Every structure is written in C-alpha cells, then in structure tokens.
Amino acid sequence: MQPAICVEINLAVVRANIARIAAAAKVPVIAVIKADAYGLGVTPVIRAIDDLVDSYYVFQPREIVDAATHTLTSKTFIAAVCGDATADELLAHRIRPAVWTIDQARRWQACDCVLAVDTGQQRFAAGPDQLDAIIAAGVCREAFTHASNITQAGRFDELTRGRSLRRHAAGTSLLDAPAARFDAVRPGFAMYAGAVRVTTRLLDARASLGPAGYTGFQTPYHGVMLGGYSEGLAAGACIINGVKRRLLEVGMQSSFVELGPADRAGDAITLLGDGLTEADVANAWRCGTHEALFRMARCGSQIHL
C-alpha cells in the first residue's frame, strides 16, 4: 500500500549544498547532524557526505552512542551537552565534549575538549570571566560559539584571538560573512535546504455546499487528504496540478484542501518542494525554517534518493 505521505530525501542535493558551502568558505566544514540529521536520517546522510566534511556536530552523545553512529565514519563528533557521559564512553565513540566550566574541562581532559564561548545566547557556554581558567587547564585546542549575528562573531574573535585555538562560529546564518568563518564553518539547515520533497494524493474532491469542516470554512471547491497534525502538519500552502493552493483545516489524521474545478481525487499534492520552500512552510506555520524542515521530513514514509 502506498504511504499516505511520501517524503523524498535527495542526498545529491545535500552533497551539492556542502560542496557549495565549502567552495565559498574555503575552510573545512563541520556538518551539523543533530536530531537525526534534522530529521532526514543520520545514517544515509553520513554515508552520502563523509568524504566532503571535516567532522560532525551533535547535541548529545546519545545521538552517537545509541545508534552506533561512530561506526559509519572514522571522523570525530563534537557534542554540545555531554551531561553525565564518562570519559571512557566519549573516547570509545570519538566524541569531543563541549565544555564551559573548569570542572567539565578537568572531568573530560583526556577527550580533546572543545571550549564553548558565550557571545550572547547565554546557554551551554562559558562567559568571558571563565575563559582564562579553562584555557589555562590546557585541555582545549579548539573553541566555538553559537553566534546569531556578525556582532557576536566579532565578540568571539575578541575573546579568543591569539590563544592558539582552532575557531569556528559560522552556522547557517553567517556562512556568507567572511569575518565569521575563522578556521571552519558549522552549517546545519544550509546543508539540507531543498533536499526534501513531500507529497500525498487527494482522497476526495468535491464542490462545496456551504460551510464545511469543523471550522465552517468556505471555498468553492475542496478536497480531503490523509495526514494531519498527528504527522506534524499545520494549515498552509500546497501545490496541486501546478497551482498553489491552501490546506484549509488540519485535523488529527486528515486535512481539508482548497481545490479548483478541474482537480480530481487521486491528483498529487505537494506539501514541500516543486517551488514550495521551507521558508514558505515556516511563514505559514509561524515557525523557523529548521522546525518546518524537521516536521516535514518526519511527516511520512521516507525514501532516500
């Protein structure tokens, strides 16, 4: 039986995105694969891109340990929050812990720690008053920050310049800023943009006879598709027969869709792709592009191309 919603993940697009990023930045790429590679599937993503990247970045060690992700590559992983992980566990899985206190640096001193520097986000990172002590411990050869803007990248430069540290600050939002590139870039969403296409089909199509659905929406023609908020969907745009339409009302497992007079049951509906971007979805859902991509990537059965 064909799945209600089909999620096509084009790994060639992910590769092309990374190649473009590396060519523009002219520094190594640290690939962000947290949250199962933004929902696209960490195993196929690593297999597709391993020859193009320097290393990987995840949120927690469990993302590597539970799936034995370290067996897919010989490269290392930086983990943002290591919690109660032991040094032996980190070393066995080639995980380099981010540290932001002297106690963390001492606890994981054998693990090639990475210094996390706070430049404005105020989470999981050391403030300026802590840097000297952590660096003096001699366990960090690398430093990074979660910079949201060029001012924060500049602050990172001020705090770490001349300390003999490999440095990186540029995530997706700062890839086009040469002053933020330093010794590596750390893209997340930019790796995956445009790689996911989500489609389904009209289950029913009809002329509307007055208000319809739970909300009493009104439109000349409407249809029904399988898939709703239990799959992570929300009201927004879609494409049917080359025309941009709207998901009018999203229920738990089905949704009402705006139609034209020529649309029929069985016609394809595009929820992402074919000119409908992650930004379009994010704007309709009032969320970030990262969230829109993740939810779309997880809303149906995945096919990796």
Protein backbone atom coordinates (compact mmCIF):
# COMPACT_ATOMS: atom_id res chain seq x y z
CA MET A 1 0.00 0.00 0.00
CA GLN A 2 1.32 3.44 -0.91
CA PRO A 3 2.05 5.57 2.17
CA ALA A 4 -0.35 8.43 2.88
CA ILE A 5 2.53 10.93 2.76
CA CYS A 6 5.76 10.30 0.88
CA VAL A 7 8.96 12.08 1.94
CA GLU A 8 11.66 12.01 -0.74
CA ILE A 9 15.13 12.93 0.51
CA ASN A 10 17.57 13.78 -2.26
CA LEU A 11 21.04 13.14 -0.87
CA ALA A 12 22.63 14.57 -4.02
CA VAL A 13 21.19 17.95 -3.01
CA VAL A 14 22.76 17.63 0.44
CA ARG A 15 26.13 16.86 -1.17
CA ALA A 16 25.79 19.78 -3.56
CA ASN A 17 24.91 22.11 -0.69
CA ILE A 18 28.02 21.08 1.24
CA ALA A 19 30.26 21.38 -1.81
CA ARG A 20 28.93 24.90 -2.42
CA ILE A 21 29.44 25.90 1.21
CA ALA A 22 33.00 24.57 1.27
CA ALA A 23 33.89 26.27 -2.01
CA ALA A 24 32.57 29.62 -0.81
CA ALA A 25 34.01 29.46 2.71
CA LYS A 26 37.38 27.94 1.74
CA VAL A 27 37.65 26.33 5.17
CA PRO A 28 36.67 22.85 6.43
CA VAL A 29 33.01 22.02 7.04
CA ILE A 30 31.81 20.68 10.39
CA ALA A 31 28.48 19.08 9.49
CA VAL A 32 25.63 19.50 11.97
CA ILE A 33 23.79 16.17 12.15
CA LYS A 34 21.91 16.62 15.42
CA ALA A 35 18.31 15.39 15.74
CA ASP A 36 18.89 12.58 13.24
CA ALA A 37 20.35 14.97 10.66
CA TYR A 38 17.43 17.42 11.03
CA GLY A 39 15.06 14.52 10.54
CA LEU A 40 16.50 13.37 7.22
CA GLY A 41 18.20 10.28 8.67
CA VAL A 42 21.72 10.40 10.08
CA THR A 43 22.88 7.08 8.61
CA PRO A 44 22.14 7.86 4.94
CA VAL A 45 23.32 11.44 5.38
CA ILE A 46 26.72 10.46 6.80
CA ARG A 47 27.19 7.83 4.09
CA ALA A 48 26.41 10.46 1.47
CA ILE A 49 28.65 13.28 2.74
CA ASP A 50 31.50 11.76 4.74
CA ASP A 51 34.13 12.45 2.10
CA LEU A 52 33.16 16.14 1.94
CA VAL A 53 33.29 17.12 5.61
CA ASP A 54 35.92 17.56 8.29
CA SER A 55 33.90 16.31 11.28
CA TYR A 56 30.41 16.31 12.77
CA TYR A 57 28.42 18.20 15.40
CA VAL A 58 25.61 16.73 17.51
CA PHE A 59 23.68 17.88 20.55
CA GLN A 60 24.18 14.93 22.93
CA PRO A 61 26.39 11.82 22.99
CA ARG A 62 23.28 9.61 22.98
CA GLU A 63 22.78 10.54 19.32
CA ILE A 64 26.04 8.75 18.56
CA VAL A 65 26.08 6.03 21.20
CA ASP A 66 22.54 4.67 20.83
CA ALA A 67 22.74 4.22 17.05
CA ALA A 68 26.46 3.34 16.94
CA THR A 69 26.83 6.25 14.54
CA HIS A 70 30.60 6.30 15.06
CA THR A 71 30.85 3.06 13.04
CA LEU A 72 29.75 4.93 9.89
CA THR A 73 32.84 7.15 9.78
CA SER A 74 36.38 7.48 11.09
CA LYS A 75 35.85 11.16 11.86
CA THR A 76 35.13 12.82 15.20
CA PHE A 77 31.98 14.29 16.69
CA ILE A 78 31.60 17.43 18.80
CA ALA A 79 28.77 17.10 21.33
CA ALA A 80 27.24 20.27 22.75
CA VAL A 81 25.89 18.86 26.03
CA CYS A 82 27.54 15.75 27.48
CA GLY A 83 25.78 15.60 30.84
CA ASP A 84 26.88 12.53 32.80
CA ALA A 85 28.85 10.87 29.99
CA THR A 86 32.08 9.29 31.13
CA ALA A 87 35.45 9.97 29.55
CA ASP A 88 35.72 6.32 28.53
CA GLU A 89 32.34 6.47 26.76
CA LEU A 90 33.28 9.62 24.89
CA LEU A 91 36.66 8.27 23.84
CA ALA A 92 35.16 4.97 22.66
CA HIS A 93 32.83 6.83 20.31
CA ARG A 94 35.27 9.59 19.22
CA ILE A 95 33.09 12.25 20.83
CA ARG A 96 34.74 15.53 21.76
CA PRO A 97 32.78 17.24 24.55
CA ALA A 98 31.99 20.94 24.52
CA VAL A 99 32.98 22.39 27.89
CA TRP A 100 32.14 25.66 29.58
CA THR A 101 33.29 25.15 33.18
CA ILE A 102 36.63 24.25 34.70
CA ASP A 103 35.06 21.17 36.30
CA GLN A 104 33.95 19.88 32.88
CA ALA A 105 37.38 20.53 31.44
CA ARG A 106 39.04 18.53 34.20
CA ARG A 107 36.47 15.72 34.05
CA TRP A 108 36.91 15.18 30.32
CA GLN A 109 40.51 16.32 29.99
CA ALA A 110 41.51 13.20 28.02
CA CYS A 111 38.76 13.73 25.43
CA ASP A 112 40.13 16.61 23.33
CA CYS A 113 37.59 19.07 24.71
CA VAL A 114 36.16 21.97 22.70
CA LEU A 115 35.67 25.29 24.50
CA ALA A 116 32.15 26.71 24.13
CA VAL A 117 32.22 30.52 24.36
CA ASP A 118 29.15 32.59 25.24
CA THR A 119 28.76 35.61 22.95
CA GLY A 120 25.09 36.34 23.56
CA GLN A 121 22.90 33.22 23.58
CA GLN A 122 23.55 32.66 27.30
CA ARG A 123 23.33 28.89 27.21
CA PHE A 124 25.79 25.98 27.25
CA ALA A 125 28.85 28.25 27.06
CA ALA A 126 31.50 29.97 29.17
CA GLY A 127 31.35 33.67 29.90
CA PRO A 128 34.40 35.92 29.50
CA ASP A 129 35.27 35.61 33.19
CA GLN A 130 35.69 31.82 32.87
CA LEU A 131 37.77 31.60 29.70
CA ASP A 132 41.22 32.15 31.19
CA ALA A 133 40.84 29.39 33.76
CA ILE A 134 39.50 26.86 31.26
CA ILE A 135 42.18 27.66 28.67
CA ALA A 136 44.88 27.54 31.36
CA ALA A 137 43.83 23.97 32.13
CA GLY A 138 45.37 23.09 28.77
CA VAL A 139 42.72 20.61 27.60
CA CYS A 140 41.17 22.68 24.76
CA ARG A 141 42.78 23.24 21.36
CA GLU A 142 39.54 24.40 19.77
CA ALA A 143 36.81 26.94 20.56
CA PHE A 144 33.41 27.76 19.11
CA THR A 145 30.37 29.91 19.71
CA HIS A 146 26.71 29.83 18.73
CA ALA A 147 26.70 33.21 17.03
CA SER A 148 23.43 34.57 15.69
CA ASN A 149 24.88 37.71 14.10
CA ILE A 150 28.15 39.26 13.00
CA THR A 151 28.43 41.29 16.21
CA GLN A 152 28.55 38.08 18.23
CA ALA A 153 31.12 36.62 15.84
CA GLY A 154 33.22 39.74 16.38
CA ARG A 155 32.93 39.34 20.13
CA PHE A 156 34.11 35.73 19.77
CA ASP A 157 37.12 36.97 17.82
CA GLU A 158 37.99 39.46 20.56
CA LEU A 159 37.75 36.82 23.29
CA THR A 160 39.73 34.08 21.54
CA ARG A 161 42.20 35.90 19.28
CA GLY A 162 45.86 34.99 19.88
CA ARG A 163 45.09 32.00 22.11
CA SER A 164 46.32 29.32 19.66
CA LEU A 165 42.84 27.83 19.27
CA ARG A 166 41.14 26.45 16.18
CA ARG A 167 37.96 28.54 15.96
CA HIS A 168 34.51 28.33 14.36
CA ALA A 169 31.41 30.47 14.71
CA ALA A 170 29.52 30.42 11.42
CA GLY A 171 26.36 28.38 11.35
CA THR A 172 23.86 28.74 8.53
CA SER A 173 23.03 32.38 9.23
CA LEU A 174 26.67 33.53 9.00
CA LEU A 175 28.01 31.45 6.11
CA ASP A 176 28.05 34.50 3.84
CA ALA A 177 30.02 36.60 6.34
CA PRO A 178 33.78 36.15 5.72
CA ALA A 179 34.60 37.65 9.13
CA ALA A 180 32.71 34.81 10.84
CA ARG A 181 34.38 31.89 9.05
CA PHE A 182 37.62 31.65 11.05
CA ASP A 183 39.08 28.11 10.73
CA ALA A 184 35.90 26.16 9.91
CA VAL A 185 32.17 26.61 9.31
CA ARG A 186 29.40 24.66 11.02
CA PRO A 187 26.29 24.56 8.79
CA GLY A 188 23.06 22.88 9.77
CA PHE A 189 19.94 23.92 7.86
CA ALA A 190 22.05 25.12 4.91
CA MET A 191 23.16 21.52 4.33
CA TYR A 192 19.62 20.26 3.97
CA ALA A 193 17.73 23.12 2.30
CA GLY A 194 15.90 21.97 -0.80
CA ALA A 195 16.70 18.29 -0.26
CA VAL A 196 13.22 17.23 0.93
CA ARG A 197 10.13 16.83 -1.23
CA VAL A 198 6.86 15.86 0.46
CA THR A 199 3.83 14.67 -1.49
CA THR A 200 0.49 12.96 -0.99
CA ARG A 201 -2.71 12.49 -3.01
CA LEU A 202 -6.27 13.74 -2.91
CA LEU A 203 -8.53 11.19 -1.29
CA ASP A 204 -11.70 13.08 -2.21
CA ALA A 205 -12.63 16.13 -4.30
CA ARG A 206 -15.95 17.93 -4.49
CA ALA A 207 -17.81 21.19 -4.97
CA SER A 208 -18.50 22.75 -1.59
CA LEU A 209 -22.12 23.05 -0.44
CA GLY A 210 -21.83 25.87 2.07
CA PRO A 211 -19.59 25.92 5.15
CA ALA A 212 -17.50 22.78 5.61
CA GLY A 213 -15.28 21.07 8.15
CA TYR A 214 -15.08 21.67 11.88
CA THR A 215 -14.33 25.36 11.39
CA GLY A 216 -17.00 26.06 8.79
CA PHE A 217 -14.53 27.25 6.15
CA GLN A 218 -15.98 28.36 2.82
CA THR A 219 -14.45 27.80 -0.61
CA PRO A 220 -15.99 26.86 -3.99
CA TYR A 221 -14.19 23.51 -4.18
CA HIS A 222 -12.41 21.43 -1.58
CA GLY A 223 -10.85 18.05 -1.11
CA VAL A 224 -9.56 15.78 1.63
CA MET A 225 -6.09 14.28 2.03
CA LEU A 226 -4.75 11.82 4.55
CA GLY A 227 -2.35 13.30 7.11
CA GLY A 228 -2.88 15.88 9.80
CA TYR A 229 -1.43 17.29 12.97
CA SER A 230 -0.57 13.80 14.24
CA GLU A 231 2.00 13.82 11.43
CA GLY A 232 3.16 17.32 12.37
CA LEU A 233 1.26 19.20 9.66
CA ALA A 234 -0.43 22.57 10.02
CA ALA A 235 -2.53 24.77 7.77
CA GLY A 236 -0.54 26.41 4.99
CA ALA A 237 0.30 26.25 1.32
CA CYS A 238 0.42 23.29 -1.05
CA ILE A 239 0.62 22.76 -4.81
CA ILE A 240 -1.96 20.83 -6.83
CA ASN A 241 -1.64 20.46 -10.60
CA GLY A 242 0.87 23.28 -10.72
CA VAL A 243 -1.32 25.75 -8.81
CA LYS A 244 -0.55 26.97 -5.31
CA ARG A 245 -3.46 26.04 -3.04
CA ARG A 246 -4.11 26.03 0.72
CA LEU A 247 -4.51 23.45 3.43
CA LEU A 248 -7.66 24.96 4.87
CA GLU A 249 -8.14 22.90 8.01
CA VAL A 250 -5.81 20.30 9.51
CA GLY A 251 -7.33 17.56 11.62
CA MET A 252 -5.68 14.78 13.55
CA GLN A 253 -5.20 12.38 10.63
CA SER A 254 -6.75 14.14 7.64
CA SER A 255 -6.86 17.64 6.20
CA PHE A 256 -9.15 19.74 4.04
CA VAL A 257 -7.55 21.22 0.94
CA GLU A 258 -8.61 24.09 -1.31
CA LEU A 259 -9.19 22.92 -4.91
CA GLY A 260 -10.02 24.21 -8.36
CA PRO A 261 -12.85 22.88 -10.55
CA ALA A 262 -10.53 20.60 -12.55
CA ASP A 263 -8.87 18.88 -9.58
CA ARG A 264 -9.83 15.25 -9.02
CA ALA A 265 -9.41 12.52 -6.42
CA GLY A 266 -6.03 10.86 -6.91
CA ASP A 267 -4.27 14.06 -8.00
CA ALA A 268 -0.88 14.70 -6.44
CA ILE A 269 -0.45 17.28 -3.67
CA THR A 270 2.97 18.76 -2.98
CA LEU A 271 3.48 19.90 0.62
CA LEU A 272 7.17 20.78 0.23
CA GLY A 273 9.26 21.06 -2.91
CA ASP A 274 8.43 21.85 -6.54
CA GLY A 275 8.89 25.54 -5.76
CA LEU A 276 7.31 25.43 -2.30
CA THR A 277 10.22 26.12 0.05
CA GLU A 278 10.94 25.57 3.73
CA ALA A 279 10.58 29.33 4.18
CA ASP A 280 7.09 29.21 2.65
CA VAL A 281 6.08 26.48 5.09
CA ALA A 282 7.73 28.26 8.03
CA ASN A 283 5.93 31.52 7.24
CA ALA A 284 2.57 29.76 7.12
CA TRP A 285 3.26 27.83 10.30
CA ARG A 286 4.81 30.83 12.09
CA CYS A 287 7.94 28.89 12.99
CA GLY A 288 11.57 28.76 11.91
CA THR A 289 12.79 27.06 8.75
CA HIS A 290 14.64 24.49 10.89
CA GLU A 291 11.39 23.43 12.55
CA ALA A 292 9.49 23.38 9.26
CA LEU A 293 12.13 21.16 7.66
CA PHE A 294 12.25 18.74 10.60
CA ARG A 295 8.49 18.37 10.82
CA MET A 296 8.14 17.90 7.07
CA ALA A 297 10.96 15.34 6.95
CA ARG A 298 9.20 13.31 9.64
CA CYS A 299 5.59 13.59 8.44
CA GLY A 300 5.57 10.47 6.25
CA SER A 301 7.46 7.47 4.92
CA GLN A 302 10.98 8.38 3.85
CA ILE A 303 12.64 7.45 0.57
CA HIS A 304 16.32 8.33 0.17
CA LEU A 305 17.31 9.08 -3.40
